[in-house]
Amino acid sequence: MKSGLRTLGLWLIVSPLFASPALAADAARGKLVAEVRCSQCHHLHAVTRSIGPGLKGIFNRVPSISGVPFARWDAQALDAWLKAPRAIKPNTTMAIPPIAARDRADVIAYFMREESSTRQGNK
Protein backbone atom coordinates (compact mmCIF):
# COMPACT_ATOMS: atom_id res chain seq x y z
CA MET A 1 0.00 0.00 0.00
CA LYS A 2 2.81 2.43 0.86
CA SER A 3 4.45 1.76 -2.50
CA GLY A 4 1.19 2.55 -4.29
CA LEU A 5 0.77 5.81 -2.39
CA ARG A 6 4.37 6.75 -3.10
CA THR A 7 3.85 6.06 -6.81
CA LEU A 8 0.65 8.10 -6.85
CA GLY A 9 2.35 10.97 -5.00
CA LEU A 10 5.28 10.94 -7.41
CA TRP A 11 2.90 10.89 -10.38
CA LEU A 12 0.98 13.87 -9.01
CA ILE A 13 4.23 15.79 -8.70
CA VAL A 14 5.67 14.81 -12.09
CA SER A 15 2.56 14.65 -14.31
CA PRO A 16 2.19 18.44 -14.78
CA LEU A 17 5.62 18.39 -16.42
CA PHE A 18 4.18 16.24 -19.21
CA ALA A 19 0.94 18.13 -19.68
CA SER A 20 0.25 19.65 -23.06
CA PRO A 21 0.34 23.47 -23.03
CA ALA A 22 -2.97 23.50 -24.90
CA LEU A 23 -4.61 21.41 -22.17
CA ALA A 24 -3.42 23.83 -19.50
CA ALA A 25 -4.47 26.85 -21.54
CA ASP A 26 -7.62 28.90 -20.96
CA ALA A 27 -9.83 29.02 -24.07
CA ALA A 28 -12.16 31.67 -22.58
CA ARG A 29 -9.18 33.93 -21.91
CA GLY A 30 -7.88 33.06 -25.40
CA LYS A 31 -11.10 34.39 -26.92
CA LEU A 32 -10.54 37.73 -25.17
CA VAL A 33 -6.89 37.83 -26.25
CA ALA A 34 -7.90 37.03 -29.86
CA GLU A 35 -10.54 39.77 -29.81
CA VAL A 36 -7.95 42.30 -28.64
CA ARG A 37 -4.91 41.11 -30.60
CA CYS A 38 -6.36 39.61 -33.81
CA SER A 39 -9.69 41.22 -34.67
CA GLN A 40 -8.22 44.46 -36.02
CA CYS A 41 -6.98 42.53 -39.07
CA HIS A 42 -8.87 39.23 -39.02
CA HIS A 43 -12.51 38.17 -38.82
CA LEU A 44 -12.75 35.79 -35.86
CA HIS A 45 -16.14 34.32 -36.79
CA ALA A 46 -15.86 34.19 -40.57
CA VAL A 47 -13.55 32.64 -43.13
CA THR A 48 -13.74 35.72 -45.37
CA ARG A 49 -10.72 37.92 -45.67
CA SER A 50 -10.35 41.25 -43.86
CA ILE A 51 -6.78 42.58 -43.97
CA GLY A 52 -5.69 39.04 -43.17
CA PRO A 53 -7.47 35.70 -43.62
CA GLY A 54 -10.57 34.93 -41.57
CA LEU A 55 -9.78 32.85 -38.50
CA LYS A 56 -13.01 30.86 -38.15
CA GLY A 57 -12.03 27.21 -38.16
CA ILE A 58 -8.32 28.04 -38.40
CA PHE A 59 -7.27 25.10 -36.22
CA ASN A 60 -6.34 22.12 -38.44
CA ARG A 61 -7.14 24.13 -41.58
CA VAL A 62 -4.76 24.17 -44.53
CA PRO A 63 -3.03 27.58 -44.66
CA SER A 64 -4.61 29.94 -47.17
CA ILE A 65 -1.43 32.00 -47.48
CA SER A 66 1.39 30.82 -49.66
CA GLY A 67 4.94 30.38 -48.49
CA VAL A 68 4.37 28.89 -45.05
CA PRO A 69 5.93 25.48 -44.33
CA PHE A 70 2.89 24.02 -42.57
CA ALA A 71 0.50 21.44 -43.99
CA ARG A 72 -2.12 22.44 -41.38
CA TRP A 73 -2.50 25.04 -38.66
CA ASP A 74 -2.02 22.74 -35.68
CA ALA A 75 -0.94 23.86 -32.20
CA GLN A 76 2.78 23.85 -33.03
CA ALA A 77 2.33 25.70 -36.33
CA LEU A 78 0.08 28.33 -34.76
CA ASP A 79 2.46 28.81 -31.85
CA ALA A 80 5.45 29.28 -34.17
CA TRP A 81 3.48 31.67 -36.40
CA LEU A 82 2.12 33.77 -33.53
CA LYS A 83 5.53 33.88 -31.89
CA ALA A 84 7.40 35.18 -34.95
CA PRO A 85 5.51 35.30 -38.26
CA ARG A 86 8.40 36.97 -40.08
CA ALA A 87 10.75 34.18 -39.02
CA ILE A 88 8.39 31.80 -40.86
CA LYS A 89 7.60 34.04 -43.85
CA PRO A 90 9.95 37.06 -44.08
CA ASN A 91 7.73 39.06 -46.46
CA THR A 92 4.46 38.58 -44.55
CA THR A 93 2.31 41.64 -44.00
CA MET A 94 1.43 40.34 -40.54
CA ALA A 95 3.21 42.73 -38.23
CA ILE A 96 2.35 42.11 -34.61
CA PRO A 97 4.08 42.98 -31.37
CA PRO A 98 5.37 39.93 -29.51
CA ILE A 99 2.66 37.76 -27.97
CA ALA A 100 3.48 36.22 -24.60
CA ALA A 101 3.64 32.43 -24.40
CA ARG A 102 0.57 32.26 -22.14
CA ASP A 103 -1.43 34.45 -24.53
CA ARG A 104 -0.40 32.27 -27.49
CA ALA A 105 -1.38 29.10 -25.63
CA ASP A 106 -4.74 30.60 -24.66
CA VAL A 107 -5.49 31.80 -28.21
CA ILE A 108 -4.59 28.37 -29.59
CA ALA A 109 -6.85 26.73 -26.98
CA TYR A 110 -9.65 29.05 -28.13
CA PHE A 111 -9.07 28.12 -31.78
CA MET A 112 -9.03 24.41 -30.82
CA ARG A 113 -12.28 24.77 -28.88
CA GLU A 114 -13.94 26.58 -31.77
CA GLU A 115 -12.78 23.95 -34.25
CA SER A 116 -14.07 21.18 -32.01
CA SER A 117 -17.46 22.82 -31.49
CA THR A 118 -17.77 23.54 -35.23
CA ARG A 119 -16.94 19.91 -36.06
CA GLN A 120 -19.48 18.61 -33.52
CA GLY A 121 -22.13 20.97 -34.90
CA ASN A 122 -21.59 19.60 -38.41
CA LYS A 123 -22.33 15.99 -37.39
C-alpha atoms as a PDB file:
ATOM      1  CA  MET A   1       0.000   0.000   0.000  1.00  0.00           C
ATOM      2  CA  LYS A   2       2.808   2.434   0.860  1.00  0.00           C
ATOM      3  CA  SER A   3       4.445   1.761  -2.496  1.00  0.00           C
ATOM      4  CA  GLY A   4       1.185   2.547  -4.291  1.00  0.00           C
ATOM      5  CA  LEU A   5       0.767   5.815  -2.395  1.00  0.00           C
ATOM      6  CA  ARG A   6       4.370   6.751  -3.103  1.00  0.00           C
ATOM      7  CA  THR A   7       3.854   6.056  -6.810  1.00  0.00           C
ATOM      8  CA  LEU A   8       0.651   8.098  -6.846  1.00  0.00           C
ATOM      9  CA  GLY A   9       2.352  10.968  -4.999  1.00  0.00           C
ATOM     10  CA  LEU A  10       5.276  10.938  -7.410  1.00  0.00           C
ATOM     11  CA  TRP A  11       2.903  10.894 -10.377  1.00  0.00           C
ATOM     12  CA  LEU A  12       0.981  13.870  -9.011  1.00  0.00           C
ATOM     13  CA  ILE A  13       4.232  15.795  -8.700  1.00  0.00           C
ATOM     14  CA  VAL A  14       5.666  14.808 -12.087  1.00  0.00           C
ATOM     15  CA  SER A  15       2.555  14.650 -14.306  1.00  0.00           C
ATOM     16  CA  PRO A  16       2.195  18.436 -14.783  1.00  0.00           C
ATOM     17  CA  LEU A  17       5.616  18.393 -16.423  1.00  0.00           C
ATOM     18  CA  PHE A  18       4.184  16.238 -19.212  1.00  0.00           C
ATOM     19  CA  ALA A  19       0.935  18.134 -19.682  1.00  0.00           C
ATOM     20  CA  SER A  20       0.248  19.651 -23.061  1.00  0.00           C
ATOM     21  CA  PRO A  21       0.341  23.473 -23.026  1.00  0.00           C
ATOM     22  CA  ALA A  22      -2.973  23.501 -24.904  1.00  0.00           C
ATOM     23  CA  LEU A  23      -4.610  21.410 -22.172  1.00  0.00           C
ATOM     24  CA  ALA A  24      -3.422  23.830 -19.501  1.00  0.00           C
ATOM     25  CA  ALA A  25      -4.469  26.849 -21.543  1.00  0.00           C
ATOM     26  CA  ASP A  26      -7.621  28.898 -20.957  1.00  0.00           C
ATOM     27  CA  ALA A  27      -9.834  29.018 -24.073  1.00  0.00           C
ATOM     28  CA  ALA A  28     -12.159  31.669 -22.575  1.00  0.00           C
ATOM     29  CA  ARG A  29      -9.178  33.926 -21.913  1.00  0.00           C
ATOM     30  CA  GLY A  30      -7.884  33.063 -25.398  1.00  0.00           C
ATOM     31  CA  LYS A  31     -11.099  34.391 -26.916  1.00  0.00           C
ATOM     32  CA  LEU A  32     -10.539  37.725 -25.172  1.00  0.00           C
ATOM     33  CA  VAL A  33      -6.894  37.833 -26.254  1.00  0.00           C
ATOM     34  CA  ALA A  34      -7.902  37.035 -29.856  1.00  0.00           C
ATOM     35  CA  GLU A  35     -10.540  39.766 -29.811  1.00  0.00           C
ATOM     36  CA  VAL A  36      -7.951  42.302 -28.640  1.00  0.00           C
ATOM     37  CA  ARG A  37      -4.910  41.115 -30.603  1.00  0.00           C
ATOM     38  CA  CYS A  38      -6.358  39.609 -33.813  1.00  0.00           C
ATOM     39  CA  SER A  39      -9.693  41.218 -34.667  1.00  0.00           C
ATOM     40  CA  GLN A  40      -8.216  44.465 -36.018  1.00  0.00           C
ATOM     41  CA  CYS A  41      -6.976  42.532 -39.069  1.00  0.00           C
ATOM     42  CA  HIS A  42      -8.874  39.226 -39.021  1.00  0.00           C
ATOM     43  CA  HIS A  43     -12.508  38.167 -38.819  1.00  0.00           C
ATOM     44  CA  LEU A  44     -12.753  35.785 -35.864  1.00  0.00           C
ATOM     45  CA  HIS A  45     -16.139  34.321 -36.789  1.00  0.00           C
ATOM     46  CA  ALA A  46     -15.864  34.188 -40.573  1.00  0.00           C
ATOM     47  CA  VAL A  47     -13.553  32.642 -43.125  1.00  0.00           C
ATOM     48  CA  THR A  48     -13.738  35.716 -45.368  1.00  0.00           C
ATOM     49  CA  ARG A  49     -10.724  37.923 -45.667  1.00  0.00           C
ATOM     50  CA  SER A  50     -10.352  41.253 -43.859  1.00  0.00           C
ATOM     51  CA  ILE A  51      -6.785  42.585 -43.966  1.00  0.00           C
ATOM     52  CA  GLY A  52      -5.694  39.036 -43.166  1.00  0.00           C
ATOM     53  CA  PRO A  53      -7.468  35.696 -43.616  1.00  0.00           C
ATOM     54  CA  GLY A  54     -10.566  34.932 -41.566  1.00  0.00           C
ATOM     55  CA  LEU A  55      -9.784  32.846 -38.496  1.00  0.00           C
ATOM     56  CA  LYS A  56     -13.009  30.863 -38.147  1.00  0.00           C
ATOM     57  CA  GLY A  57     -12.033  27.208 -38.159  1.00  0.00           C
ATOM     58  CA  ILE A  58      -8.316  28.038 -38.400  1.00  0.00           C
ATOM     59  CA  PHE A  59      -7.273  25.102 -36.221  1.00  0.00           C
ATOM     60  CA  ASN A  60      -6.343  22.122 -38.442  1.00  0.00           C
ATOM     61  CA  ARG A  61      -7.135  24.127 -41.575  1.00  0.00           C
ATOM     62  CA  VAL A  62      -4.761  24.168 -44.532  1.00  0.00           C
ATOM     63  CA  PRO A  63      -3.026  27.580 -44.665  1.00  0.00           C
ATOM     64  CA  SER A  64      -4.612  29.939 -47.171  1.00  0.00           C
ATOM     65  CA  ILE A  65      -1.431  31.995 -47.476  1.00  0.00           C
ATOM     66  CA  SER A  66       1.394  30.816 -49.661  1.00  0.00           C
ATOM     67  CA  GLY A  67       4.943  30.378 -48.492  1.00  0.00           C
ATOM     68  CA  VAL A  68       4.374  28.886 -45.051  1.00  0.00           C
ATOM     69  CA  PRO A  69       5.929  25.483 -44.329  1.00  0.00           C
ATOM     70  CA  PHE A  70       2.889  24.025 -42.572  1.00  0.00           C
ATOM     71  CA  ALA A  71       0.496  21.439 -43.989  1.00  0.00           C
ATOM     72  CA  ARG A  72      -2.119  22.436 -41.378  1.00  0.00           C
ATOM     73  CA  TRP A  73      -2.497  25.037 -38.658  1.00  0.00           C
ATOM     74  CA  ASP A  74      -2.016  22.735 -35.679  1.00  0.00           C
ATOM     75  CA  ALA A  75      -0.937  23.863 -32.196  1.00  0.00           C
ATOM     76  CA  GLN A  76       2.783  23.846 -33.035  1.00  0.00           C
ATOM     77  CA  ALA A  77       2.327  25.701 -36.326  1.00  0.00           C
ATOM     78  CA  LEU A  78       0.076  28.335 -34.758  1.00  0.00           C
ATOM     79  CA  ASP A  79       2.463  28.813 -31.846  1.00  0.00           C
ATOM     80  CA  ALA A  80       5.447  29.276 -34.171  1.00  0.00           C
ATOM     81  CA  TRP A  81       3.477  31.672 -36.395  1.00  0.00           C
ATOM     82  CA  LEU A  82       2.121  33.767 -33.527  1.00  0.00           C
ATOM     83  CA  LYS A  83       5.532  33.883 -31.886  1.00  0.00           C
ATOM     84  CA  ALA A  84       7.401  35.185 -34.947  1.00  0.00           C
ATOM     85  CA  PRO A  85       5.505  35.297 -38.258  1.00  0.00           C
ATOM     86  CA  ARG A  86       8.398  36.973 -40.077  1.00  0.00           C
ATOM     87  CA  ALA A  87      10.749  34.179 -39.024  1.00  0.00           C
ATOM     88  CA  ILE A  88       8.393  31.803 -40.864  1.00  0.00           C
ATOM     89  CA  LYS A  89       7.604  34.035 -43.850  1.00  0.00           C
ATOM     90  CA  PRO A  90       9.947  37.057 -44.077  1.00  0.00           C
ATOM     91  CA  ASN A  91       7.730  39.057 -46.457  1.00  0.00           C
ATOM     92  CA  THR A  92       4.461  38.583 -44.552  1.00  0.00           C
ATOM     93  CA  THR A  93       2.308  41.640 -44.001  1.00  0.00           C
ATOM     94  CA  MET A  94       1.428  40.344 -40.544  1.00  0.00           C
ATOM     95  CA  ALA A  95       3.210  42.734 -38.231  1.00  0.00           C
ATOM     96  CA  ILE A  96       2.353  42.109 -34.606  1.00  0.00           C
ATOM     97  CA  PRO A  97       4.085  42.983 -31.375  1.00  0.00           C
ATOM     98  CA  PRO A  98       5.371  39.927 -29.507  1.00  0.00           C
ATOM     99  CA  ILE A  99       2.661  37.758 -27.974  1.00  0.00           C
ATOM    100  CA  ALA A 100       3.480  36.217 -24.604  1.00  0.00           C
ATOM    101  CA  ALA A 101       3.641  32.427 -24.402  1.00  0.00           C
ATOM    102  CA  ARG A 102       0.571  32.264 -22.139  1.00  0.00           C
ATOM    103  CA  ASP A 103      -1.432  34.446 -24.532  1.00  0.00           C
ATOM    104  CA  ARG A 104      -0.397  32.271 -27.492  1.00  0.00           C
ATOM    105  CA  ALA A 105      -1.382  29.100 -25.632  1.00  0.00           C
ATOM    106  CA  ASP A 106      -4.740  30.597 -24.665  1.00  0.00           C
ATOM    107  CA  VAL A 107      -5.487  31.802 -28.215  1.00  0.00           C
ATOM    108  CA  ILE A 108      -4.594  28.367 -29.589  1.00  0.00           C
ATOM    109  CA  ALA A 109      -6.851  26.729 -26.983  1.00  0.00           C
ATOM    110  CA  TYR A 110      -9.648  29.050 -28.128  1.00  0.00           C
ATOM    111  CA  PHE A 111      -9.068  28.116 -31.785  1.00  0.00           C
ATOM    112  CA  MET A 112      -9.031  24.413 -30.818  1.00  0.00           C
ATOM    113  CA  ARG A 113     -12.282  24.766 -28.880  1.00  0.00           C
ATOM    114  CA  GLU A 114     -13.940  26.585 -31.772  1.00  0.00           C
ATOM    115  CA  GLU A 115     -12.778  23.948 -34.254  1.00  0.00           C
ATOM    116  CA  SER A 116     -14.066  21.178 -32.009  1.00  0.00           C
ATOM    117  CA  SER A 117     -17.462  22.820 -31.494  1.00  0.00           C
ATOM    118  CA  THR A 118     -17.770  23.542 -35.234  1.00  0.00           C
ATOM    119  CA  ARG A 119     -16.941  19.911 -36.060  1.00  0.00           C
ATOM    120  CA  GLN A 120     -19.475  18.615 -33.523  1.00  0.00           C
ATOM    121  CA  GLY A 121     -22.128  20.969 -34.899  1.00  0.00           C
ATOM    122  CA  ASN A 122     -21.593  19.595 -38.406  1.00  0.00           C
ATOM    123  CA  LYS A 123     -22.331  15.990 -37.391  1.00  0.00           C
END
